[in-house]
PDB file of all heavy atoms in Angstrom:
ATOM      1  N   ILE A   1     148.276 106.142 169.879  1.00  0.00           N
ATOM      2  CA  ILE A   1     148.170 107.092 168.766  1.00  0.00           C
ATOM      3  C   ILE A   1     148.420 108.520 169.252  1.00  0.00           C
ATOM      4  O   ILE A   1     148.924 109.346 168.519  1.00  0.00           O
ATOM      5  CB  ILE A   1     146.763 106.999 168.114  1.00  0.00           C
ATOM      6  CG1 ILE A   1     146.580 105.635 167.460  1.00  0.00           C
ATOM      7  CG2 ILE A   1     146.557 108.088 167.068  1.00  0.00           C
ATOM      8  CD1 ILE A   1     145.154 105.325 167.045  1.00  0.00           C
ATOM      9  N   SER A   2     148.099 108.784 170.519  1.00  0.00           N
ATOM     10  CA  SER A   2     148.097 110.176 170.961  1.00  0.00           C
ATOM     11  C   SER A   2     149.455 110.858 170.820  1.00  0.00           C
ATOM     12  O   SER A   2     149.531 112.074 170.709  1.00  0.00           O
ATOM     13  CB  SER A   2     147.586 110.301 172.392  1.00  0.00           C
ATOM     14  OG  SER A   2     148.406 109.533 173.233  1.00  0.00           O
ATOM     15  N   ALA A   3     150.526 110.080 170.788  1.00  0.00           N
ATOM     16  CA  ALA A   3     151.862 110.669 170.612  1.00  0.00           C
ATOM     17  C   ALA A   3     151.998 111.352 169.251  1.00  0.00           C
ATOM     18  O   ALA A   3     152.879 112.176 169.059  1.00  0.00           O
ATOM     19  CB  ALA A   3     152.921 109.583 170.748  1.00  0.00           C
ATOM     20  N   PHE A   4     151.130 110.984 168.305  1.00  0.00           N
ATOM     21  CA  PHE A   4     151.272 111.490 166.941  1.00  0.00           C
ATOM     22  C   PHE A   4     150.240 112.553 166.578  1.00  0.00           C
ATOM     23  O   PHE A   4     150.092 112.919 165.423  1.00  0.00           O
ATOM     24  CB  PHE A   4     151.183 110.321 165.944  1.00  0.00           C
ATOM     25  CG  PHE A   4     152.202 109.261 166.224  1.00  0.00           C
ATOM     26  CD1 PHE A   4     151.829 108.035 166.757  1.00  0.00           C
ATOM     27  CD2 PHE A   4     153.549 109.502 165.997  1.00  0.00           C
ATOM     28  CE1 PHE A   4     152.786 107.071 167.047  1.00  0.00           C
ATOM     29  CE2 PHE A   4     154.507 108.553 166.286  1.00  0.00           C
ATOM     30  CZ  PHE A   4     154.127 107.328 166.811  1.00  0.00           C
ATOM     31  N   LEU A   5     149.503 113.023 167.573  1.00  0.00           N
ATOM     32  CA  LEU A   5     148.462 114.008 167.279  1.00  0.00           C
ATOM     33  C   LEU A   5     149.043 115.418 167.287  1.00  0.00           C
ATOM     34  O   LEU A   5     150.031 115.685 167.967  1.00  0.00           O
ATOM     35  CB  LEU A   5     147.352 113.929 168.335  1.00  0.00           C
ATOM     36  CG  LEU A   5     146.672 112.568 168.513  1.00  0.00           C
ATOM     37  CD1 LEU A   5     145.595 112.675 169.581  1.00  0.00           C
ATOM     38  CD2 LEU A   5     146.074 112.074 167.215  1.00  0.00           C
ATOM     39  N   PRO A   6     148.393 116.343 166.561  1.00  0.00           N
ATOM     40  CA  PRO A   6     148.818 117.744 166.686  1.00  0.00           C
ATOM     41  C   PRO A   6     148.593 118.199 168.134  1.00  0.00           C
ATOM     42  O   PRO A   6     147.751 117.632 168.839  1.00  0.00           O
ATOM     43  CB  PRO A   6     147.879 118.505 165.734  1.00  0.00           C
ATOM     44  CG  PRO A   6     147.093 117.493 164.995  1.00  0.00           C
ATOM     45  CD  PRO A   6     147.238 116.178 165.678  1.00  0.00           C
ATOM     46  N   PRO A   7     149.327 119.227 168.600  1.00  0.00           N
ATOM     47  CA  PRO A   7     149.127 119.703 169.977  1.00  0.00           C
ATOM     48  C   PRO A   7     147.653 120.059 170.225  1.00  0.00           C
ATOM     49  O   PRO A   7     147.038 120.729 169.404  1.00  0.00           O
ATOM     50  CB  PRO A   7     150.004 120.961 170.048  1.00  0.00           C
ATOM     51  CG  PRO A   7     150.992 120.821 168.931  1.00  0.00           C
ATOM     52  CD  PRO A   7     150.336 119.999 167.870  1.00  0.00           C
ATOM     53  N   CYS A   8     147.125 119.560 171.341  1.00  0.00           N
ATOM     54  CA  CYS A   8     145.704 119.788 171.656  1.00  0.00           C
ATOM     55  C   CYS A   8     145.600 120.807 172.797  1.00  0.00           C
ATOM     56  O   CYS A   8     146.174 120.612 173.859  1.00  0.00           O
ATOM     57  CB  CYS A   8     145.067 118.462 172.076  1.00  0.00           C
ATOM     58  SG  CYS A   8     143.340 118.618 172.555  1.00  0.00           S
ATOM     59  N   HIS A   9     144.876 121.888 172.529  1.00  0.00           N
ATOM     60  CA  HIS A   9     144.675 122.923 173.556  1.00  0.00           C
ATOM     61  C   HIS A   9     143.293 122.670 174.180  1.00  0.00           C
ATOM     62  O   HIS A   9     142.288 123.202 173.719  1.00  0.00           O
ATOM     63  CB  HIS A   9     144.781 124.315 172.929  1.00  0.00           C
ATOM     64  CG  HIS A   9     146.086 124.505 172.215  1.00  0.00           C
ATOM     65  ND1 HIS A   9     147.240 124.908 172.855  1.00  0.00           N
ATOM     66  CD2 HIS A   9     146.436 124.307 170.913  1.00  0.00           C
ATOM     67  CE1 HIS A   9     148.241 124.959 171.984  1.00  0.00           C
ATOM     68  NE2 HIS A   9     147.779 124.594 170.801  1.00  0.00           N
ATOM     69  N   GLU A  10     143.298 121.827 175.214  1.00  0.00           N
ATOM     70  CA  GLU A  10     142.028 121.353 175.793  1.00  0.00           C
ATOM     71  C   GLU A  10     141.190 122.464 176.403  1.00  0.00           C
ATOM     72  O   GLU A  10     139.979 122.356 176.482  1.00  0.00           O
ATOM     73  CB  GLU A  10     142.309 120.309 176.880  1.00  0.00           C
ATOM     74  CG  GLU A  10     142.875 119.034 176.326  1.00  0.00           C
ATOM     75  CD  GLU A  10     142.886 117.928 177.375  1.00  0.00           C
ATOM     76  OE1 GLU A  10     141.827 117.720 178.004  1.00  0.00           O
ATOM     77  OE2 GLU A  10     143.932 117.289 177.551  1.00  0.00           O
ATOM     78  N   ASP A  11     141.868 123.522 176.852  1.00  0.00           N
ATOM     79  CA  ASP A  11     141.127 124.579 177.539  1.00  0.00           C
ATOM     80  C   ASP A  11     140.654 125.672 176.582  1.00  0.00           C
ATOM     81  O   ASP A  11     140.236 126.748 177.014  1.00  0.00           O
ATOM     82  CB  ASP A  11     142.001 125.189 178.649  1.00  0.00           C
ATOM     83  CG  ASP A  11     143.384 125.567 178.118  1.00  0.00           C
ATOM     84  OD1 ASP A  11     143.645 125.332 176.905  1.00  0.00           O
ATOM     85  OD2 ASP A  11     144.210 126.096 178.894  1.00  0.00           O
ATOM     86  N   ALA A  12     140.693 125.395 175.277  1.00  0.00           N
ATOM     87  CA  ALA A  12     140.294 126.402 174.277  1.00  0.00           C
ATOM     88  C   ALA A  12     138.821 126.776 174.437  1.00  0.00           C
ATOM     89  O   ALA A  12     137.995 125.960 174.847  1.00  0.00           O
ATOM     90  CB  ALA A  12     140.535 125.850 172.879  1.00  0.00           C
ATOM     91  N   ASP A  13     138.508 128.037 174.091  1.00  0.00           N
ATOM     92  CA  ASP A  13     137.119 128.512 174.173  1.00  0.00           C
ATOM     93  C   ASP A  13     136.368 128.299 172.861  1.00  0.00           C
ATOM     94  O   ASP A  13     135.148 128.363 172.819  1.00  0.00           O
ATOM     95  CB  ASP A  13     137.086 130.024 174.482  1.00  0.00           C
ATOM     96  CG  ASP A  13     137.710 130.308 175.837  1.00  0.00           C
ATOM     97  OD1 ASP A  13     137.603 129.435 176.717  1.00  0.00           O
ATOM     98  OD2 ASP A  13     138.321 131.387 175.995  1.00  0.00           O
ATOM     99  N   ARG A  14     137.130 128.093 171.770  1.00  0.00           N
ATOM    100  CA  ARG A  14     136.489 127.937 170.449  1.00  0.00           C
ATOM    101  C   ARG A  14     137.085 126.722 169.756  1.00  0.00           C
ATOM    102  O   ARG A  14     138.277 126.419 169.942  1.00  0.00           O
ATOM    103  CB  ARG A  14     136.760 129.176 169.584  1.00  0.00           C
ATOM    104  CG  ARG A  14     136.398 130.502 170.225  1.00  0.00           C
ATOM    105  CD  ARG A  14     136.762 131.678 169.329  1.00  0.00           C
ATOM    106  NE  ARG A  14     138.170 131.648 168.934  1.00  0.00           N
ATOM    107  CZ  ARG A  14     138.676 132.373 167.934  1.00  0.00           C
ATOM    108  NH1 ARG A  14     137.895 133.169 167.228  1.00  0.00           N
ATOM    109  NH2 ARG A  14     139.964 132.314 167.623  1.00  0.00           N
ATOM    110  N   PRO A  15     136.274 126.012 168.941  1.00  0.00           N
ATOM    111  CA  PRO A  15     136.800 124.823 168.256  1.00  0.00           C
ATOM    112  C   PRO A  15     138.082 125.110 167.468  1.00  0.00           C
ATOM    113  O   PRO A  15     139.004 124.293 167.447  1.00  0.00           O
ATOM    114  CB  PRO A  15     135.663 124.416 167.314  1.00  0.00           C
ATOM    115  CG  PRO A  15     134.425 124.969 167.934  1.00  0.00           C
ATOM    116  CD  PRO A  15     134.839 126.220 168.651  1.00  0.00           C
ATOM    117  N   GLU A  16     138.166 126.309 166.846  1.00  0.00           N
ATOM    118  CA  GLU A  16     139.346 126.595 166.007  1.00  0.00           C
ATOM    119  C   GLU A  16     140.639 126.716 166.819  1.00  0.00           C
ATOM    120  O   GLU A  16     141.731 126.690 166.249  1.00  0.00           O
ATOM    121  CB  GLU A  16     139.153 127.843 165.134  1.00  0.00           C
ATOM    122  CG  GLU A  16     138.740 129.088 165.853  1.00  0.00           C
ATOM    123  CD  GLU A  16     137.215 129.267 165.899  1.00  0.00           C
ATOM    124  OE1 GLU A  16     136.491 128.278 166.137  1.00  0.00           O
ATOM    125  OE2 GLU A  16     136.770 130.409 165.689  1.00  0.00           O
ATOM    126  N   ASP A  17     140.509 126.845 168.150  1.00  0.00           N
ATOM    127  CA  ASP A  17     141.723 126.946 168.977  1.00  0.00           C
ATOM    128  C   ASP A  17     142.138 125.615 169.601  1.00  0.00           C
ATOM    129  O   ASP A  17     143.163 125.551 170.287  1.00  0.00           O
ATOM    130  CB  ASP A  17     141.514 127.997 170.083  1.00  0.00           C
ATOM    131  CG  ASP A  17     141.342 129.393 169.499  1.00  0.00           C
ATOM    132  OD1 ASP A  17     141.897 129.647 168.418  1.00  0.00           O
ATOM    133  OD2 ASP A  17     140.639 130.221 170.127  1.00  0.00           O
ATOM    134  N   VAL A  18     141.336 124.567 169.412  1.00  0.00           N
ATOM    135  CA  VAL A  18     141.700 123.257 169.986  1.00  0.00           C
ATOM    136  C   VAL A  18     142.942 122.715 169.271  1.00  0.00           C
ATOM    137  O   VAL A  18     143.935 122.342 169.896  1.00  0.00           O
ATOM    138  CB  VAL A  18     140.526 122.246 169.891  1.00  0.00           C
ATOM    139  CG1 VAL A  18     140.962 120.876 170.423  1.00  0.00           C
ATOM    140  CG2 VAL A  18     139.324 122.743 170.700  1.00  0.00           C
ATOM    141  N   TYR A  19     142.872 122.650 167.931  1.00  0.00           N
ATOM    142  CA  TYR A  19     144.056 122.317 167.123  1.00  0.00           C
ATOM    143  C   TYR A  19     144.367 123.562 166.306  1.00  0.00           C
ATOM    144  O   TYR A  19     143.708 123.825 165.303  1.00  0.00           O
ATOM    145  CB  TYR A  19     143.784 121.106 166.223  1.00  0.00           C
ATOM    146  CG  TYR A  19     143.484 119.873 167.030  1.00  0.00           C
ATOM    147  CD1 TYR A  19     142.195 119.357 167.115  1.00  0.00           C
ATOM    148  CD2 TYR A  19     144.490 119.256 167.765  1.00  0.00           C
ATOM    149  CE1 TYR A  19     141.915 118.246 167.910  1.00  0.00           C
ATOM    150  CE2 TYR A  19     144.220 118.151 168.567  1.00  0.00           C
ATOM    151  CZ  TYR A  19     142.936 117.655 168.625  1.00  0.00           C
ATOM    152  OH  TYR A  19     142.672 116.569 169.422  1.00  0.00           O
ATOM    153  N   LYS A  20     145.313 124.335 166.788  1.00  0.00           N
ATOM    154  CA  LYS A  20     145.561 125.646 166.169  1.00  0.00           C
ATOM    155  C   LYS A  20     146.112 125.475 164.761  1.00  0.00           C
ATOM    156  O   LYS A  20     146.936 124.597 164.505  1.00  0.00           O
ATOM    157  CB  LYS A  20     146.524 126.452 167.033  1.00  0.00           C
ATOM    158  CG  LYS A  20     145.891 126.898 168.334  1.00  0.00           C
ATOM    159  CD  LYS A  20     146.720 127.961 169.029  1.00  0.00           C
ATOM    160  CE  LYS A  20     145.900 128.570 170.160  1.00  0.00           C
ATOM    161  NZ  LYS A  20     146.697 128.849 171.326  1.00  0.00           N
ATOM    162  N   PHE A  21     145.666 126.358 163.887  1.00  0.00           N
ATOM    163  CA  PHE A  21     146.093 126.315 162.488  1.00  0.00           C
ATOM    164  C   PHE A  21     147.627 126.418 162.386  1.00  0.00           C
ATOM    165  O   PHE A  21     148.257 125.706 161.607  1.00  0.00           O
ATOM    166  CB  PHE A  21     145.417 127.452 161.706  1.00  0.00           C
ATOM    167  CG  PHE A  21     145.618 127.334 160.218  1.00  0.00           C
ATOM    168  CD1 PHE A  21     144.917 126.386 159.480  1.00  0.00           C
ATOM    169  CD2 PHE A  21     146.524 128.162 159.556  1.00  0.00           C
ATOM    170  CE1 PHE A  21     145.112 126.265 158.105  1.00  0.00           C
ATOM    171  CE2 PHE A  21     146.718 128.044 158.183  1.00  0.00           C
ATOM    172  CZ  PHE A  21     146.008 127.089 157.458  1.00  0.00           C
ATOM    173  N   GLU A  22     148.233 127.271 163.230  1.00  0.00           N
ATOM    174  CA  GLU A  22     149.694 127.460 163.175  1.00  0.00           C
ATOM    175  C   GLU A  22     150.446 126.194 163.591  1.00  0.00           C
ATOM    176  O   GLU A  22     151.629 126.059 163.311  1.00  0.00           O
ATOM    177  CB  GLU A  22     150.172 128.600 164.094  1.00  0.00           C
ATOM    178  CG  GLU A  22     149.481 129.939 163.926  1.00  0.00           C
ATOM    179  CD  GLU A  22     148.101 129.966 164.571  1.00  0.00           C
ATOM    180  OE1 GLU A  22     148.017 130.065 165.800  1.00  0.00           O
ATOM    181  OE2 GLU A  22     147.107 129.875 163.820  1.00  0.00           O
ATOM    182  N   ASP A  23     149.765 125.288 164.318  1.00  0.00           N
ATOM    183  CA  ASP A  23     150.420 124.015 164.671  1.00  0.00           C
ATOM    184  C   ASP A  23     150.406 123.046 163.489  1.00  0.00           C
ATOM    185  O   ASP A  23     151.126 122.043 163.494  1.00  0.00           O
ATOM    186  CB  ASP A  23     149.714 123.361 165.875  1.00  0.00           C
ATOM    187  CG  ASP A  23     149.953 124.139 167.178  1.00  0.00           C
ATOM    188  OD1 ASP A  23     151.005 124.798 167.275  1.00  0.00           O
ATOM    189  OD2 ASP A  23     149.091 124.081 168.073  1.00  0.00           O
ATOM    190  N   ILE A  24     149.561 123.323 162.511  1.00  0.00           N
ATOM    191  CA  ILE A  24     149.508 122.478 161.314  1.00  0.00           C
ATOM    192  C   ILE A  24     150.403 123.073 160.232  1.00  0.00           C
ATOM    193  O   ILE A  24     151.188 122.369 159.595  1.00  0.00           O
ATOM    194  CB  ILE A  24     148.045 122.354 160.806  1.00  0.00           C
ATOM    195  CG1 ILE A  24     147.138 121.788 161.909  1.00  0.00           C
ATOM    196  CG2 ILE A  24     147.979 121.467 159.549  1.00  0.00           C
ATOM    197  CD1 ILE A  24     145.641 121.892 161.607  1.00  0.00           C
TER     198      ILE A  24
END
């Protein structure tokens, strides 16, 4: 499934930066 996920920013400091709004 992971191939189909939005880009994940694992090193983000805040939850809102893990899956960035601009990537959606």
